[in-house]
N, C-alpha and C. Protein backbone atom coordinates (compact mmCIF):
# COMPACT_ATOMS: atom_id res chain seq x y z
N ASP A 1 -33.50 25.66 -29.49
CA ASP A 1 -33.12 24.70 -30.98
C ASP A 1 -34.22 25.18 -32.27
N GLY A 2 -35.52 24.82 -31.50
CA GLY A 2 -36.82 25.21 -32.82
C GLY A 2 -36.50 26.36 -33.13
N ALA A 3 -36.18 27.44 -32.68
CA ALA A 3 -35.98 28.84 -33.26
C ALA A 3 -34.92 28.93 -33.95
N LYS A 4 -33.56 28.28 -33.80
CA LYS A 4 -32.12 28.36 -34.88
C LYS A 4 -33.18 27.65 -36.16
N ALA A 5 -33.78 26.70 -35.66
CA ALA A 5 -33.84 25.32 -36.83
C ALA A 5 -34.76 26.63 -37.90
N SER A 6 -36.10 27.35 -37.13
CA SER A 6 -36.65 27.67 -38.06
C SER A 6 -35.98 28.94 -38.84
N ALA A 7 -35.11 29.47 -38.12
CA ALA A 7 -34.69 30.62 -38.83
C ALA A 7 -33.49 30.16 -39.99
N VAL A 8 -33.25 29.22 -39.87
CA VAL A 8 -32.47 28.81 -41.10
C VAL A 8 -33.30 27.94 -42.34
N ILE A 9 -34.08 27.56 -41.75
CA ILE A 9 -35.33 27.29 -43.11
C ILE A 9 -35.72 28.26 -43.76
N TYR A 10 -35.94 29.42 -43.01
CA TYR A 10 -36.45 30.49 -43.49
C TYR A 10 -35.36 31.56 -44.33
N SER A 11 -34.21 31.52 -43.70
CA SER A 11 -32.93 31.91 -44.50
C SER A 11 -32.98 31.38 -45.92
N LEU A 12 -33.15 30.07 -45.99
CA LEU A 12 -33.04 29.21 -47.24
C LEU A 12 -33.91 29.37 -48.13
N MET A 13 -35.30 29.54 -47.83
CA MET A 13 -36.61 30.12 -48.38
C MET A 13 -36.42 31.15 -48.69
N LEU A 14 -36.05 32.65 -48.28
CA LEU A 14 -35.62 33.89 -48.54
C LEU A 14 -34.28 33.57 -49.78
N THR A 15 -33.24 32.70 -49.69
CA THR A 15 -32.47 33.04 -50.99
C THR A 15 -33.10 32.04 -52.05
N CYS A 16 -33.98 31.04 -52.05
CA CYS A 16 -34.52 30.82 -53.17
C CYS A 16 -35.52 31.86 -53.66
N ARG A 17 -36.21 32.76 -52.82
CA ARG A 17 -36.73 33.52 -53.38
C ARG A 17 -35.85 34.88 -54.28
N ALA A 18 -34.50 35.06 -53.40
CA ALA A 18 -33.80 36.04 -54.17
C ALA A 18 -33.07 35.33 -55.49
N CYS A 19 -32.96 34.10 -55.35
CA CYS A 19 -32.22 33.20 -56.53
C CYS A 19 -33.23 32.75 -58.03
N GLY A 20 -34.59 33.13 -57.49
CA GLY A 20 -35.91 33.09 -58.29
C GLY A 20 -36.03 31.63 -58.71
N VAL A 21 -35.78 30.62 -57.53
CA VAL A 21 -35.45 29.37 -57.38
C VAL A 21 -37.50 28.95 -56.46
N ASP A 22 -38.26 28.16 -57.55
CA ASP A 22 -39.58 27.68 -56.20
C ASP A 22 -38.69 26.97 -55.23
N PRO A 23 -39.02 27.23 -53.81
CA PRO A 23 -38.75 26.66 -53.13
C PRO A 23 -39.12 25.32 -52.87
N PHE A 24 -40.19 25.18 -53.27
CA PHE A 24 -40.87 23.41 -53.07
C PHE A 24 -39.90 22.77 -53.89
N ALA A 25 -39.48 23.22 -55.05
CA ALA A 25 -38.63 22.40 -55.93
C ALA A 25 -37.51 21.95 -55.69
N TRP A 26 -36.56 23.55 -55.41
CA TRP A 26 -35.49 22.67 -54.46
C TRP A 26 -35.44 22.40 -53.28
N LEU A 27 -36.70 22.48 -51.92
CA LEU A 27 -36.43 21.63 -51.10
C LEU A 27 -36.65 19.83 -51.78
N ARG A 28 -37.46 19.70 -52.74
CA ARG A 28 -37.76 18.37 -53.50
C ARG A 28 -36.18 17.68 -53.95
N HIS A 29 -35.29 18.76 -54.53
CA HIS A 29 -34.23 18.25 -55.17
C HIS A 29 -33.29 18.02 -53.96
N ALA A 30 -32.95 18.93 -53.53
CA ALA A 30 -32.70 18.81 -51.83
C ALA A 30 -32.59 17.25 -50.77
N PHE A 31 -33.64 16.82 -50.66
CA PHE A 31 -34.31 16.54 -49.73
C PHE A 31 -33.99 14.90 -50.34
N THR A 32 -34.00 15.12 -52.01
CA THR A 32 -34.02 13.71 -52.51
C THR A 32 -32.37 13.30 -53.19
N GLU A 33 -31.65 14.66 -52.85
CA GLU A 33 -29.71 14.11 -53.44
C GLU A 33 -29.04 13.93 -52.06
N MET A 34 -29.91 14.78 -51.01
CA MET A 34 -28.79 14.51 -49.41
C MET A 34 -29.02 13.11 -49.13
N PRO A 35 -30.05 12.15 -48.69
CA PRO A 35 -29.72 10.93 -48.60
C PRO A 35 -29.01 9.98 -49.36
N GLN A 36 -28.50 10.10 -50.69
CA GLN A 36 -27.65 9.76 -51.28
C GLN A 36 -26.45 9.72 -51.36
N ARG A 37 -26.03 10.63 -50.52
CA ARG A 37 -24.61 11.08 -50.79
C ARG A 37 -23.83 10.69 -48.84
N PRO A 38 -22.71 10.46 -48.89
CA PRO A 38 -21.75 9.52 -48.20
C PRO A 38 -22.20 10.86 -46.79
N ASP A 39 -22.22 10.42 -45.46
CA ASP A 39 -21.89 11.69 -44.61
C ASP A 39 -20.78 12.30 -44.29
N ARG A 40 -21.04 13.81 -44.42
CA ARG A 40 -20.06 14.61 -44.28
C ARG A 40 -19.54 15.19 -45.21
N ALA A 41 -20.65 14.77 -46.46
CA ALA A 41 -20.31 15.05 -48.08
C ALA A 41 -20.37 16.52 -48.17
N ASP A 42 -19.57 17.41 -49.12
CA ASP A 42 -19.74 18.30 -49.46
C ASP A 42 -21.01 19.15 -49.81
N ILE A 43 -22.08 19.50 -49.45
CA ILE A 43 -23.69 19.86 -50.00
C ILE A 43 -23.72 21.57 -50.88
N ASN A 44 -22.54 21.91 -50.74
CA ASN A 44 -22.40 23.22 -51.50
C ASN A 44 -23.51 23.31 -52.47
N ASP A 45 -23.20 22.51 -53.69
CA ASP A 45 -23.95 22.39 -54.62
C ASP A 45 -25.38 22.43 -54.99
N LEU A 46 -25.98 22.00 -53.57
CA LEU A 46 -27.34 21.59 -52.98
C LEU A 46 -27.76 23.02 -52.48
N LEU A 47 -26.73 24.13 -52.65
CA LEU A 47 -27.80 25.79 -51.89
C LEU A 47 -28.59 26.04 -52.96
N PRO A 48 -29.47 27.04 -52.66
CA PRO A 48 -30.45 27.69 -53.57
C PRO A 48 -29.23 28.29 -54.86
N PHE A 49 -28.68 29.11 -54.74
CA PHE A 49 -27.73 30.11 -55.33
C PHE A 49 -27.20 29.08 -56.73
N ASN A 50 -26.88 27.62 -56.02
CA ASN A 50 -26.30 27.07 -57.07
C ASN A 50 -27.28 25.81 -57.68
N PHE A 51 -28.29 25.75 -57.21
CA PHE A 51 -29.46 25.44 -57.68
C PHE A 51 -30.10 25.97 -59.01
N ALA A 52 -30.06 27.06 -58.59
CA ALA A 52 -30.48 27.87 -59.72
C ALA A 52 -29.63 27.97 -61.17
N LYS A 53 -28.41 27.94 -60.69
CA LYS A 53 -27.42 27.79 -62.03
C LYS A 53 -27.76 26.45 -62.84
N ALA A 54 -27.59 25.18 -62.04
CA ALA A 54 -27.79 23.55 -62.53
C ALA A 54 -28.77 23.51 -62.78
N THR A 55 -30.27 23.83 -62.58
CA THR A 55 -31.43 23.52 -62.88
C THR A 55 -31.76 24.55 -64.64
N PRO A 56 -32.38 23.98 -65.70
CA PRO A 56 -32.63 24.83 -67.20
C PRO A 56 -33.49 25.62 -66.69
N ALA A 57 -33.37 26.75 -67.35
CA ALA A 57 -34.06 27.99 -67.56
C ALA A 57 -35.63 27.78 -68.41
């Protein structure tokens, strides 16, 4: 399970890099927004490639 979790985090960090997003800024945003959402809520807008579109340049 640890290897799978690590692979998911690594994939998200590389997606941040590919989108030109600061991984720490993205994680801070995602971890701030997720607790405010109901269980099983759609979180596609929190993915790194959508964060890049929503964040002012």
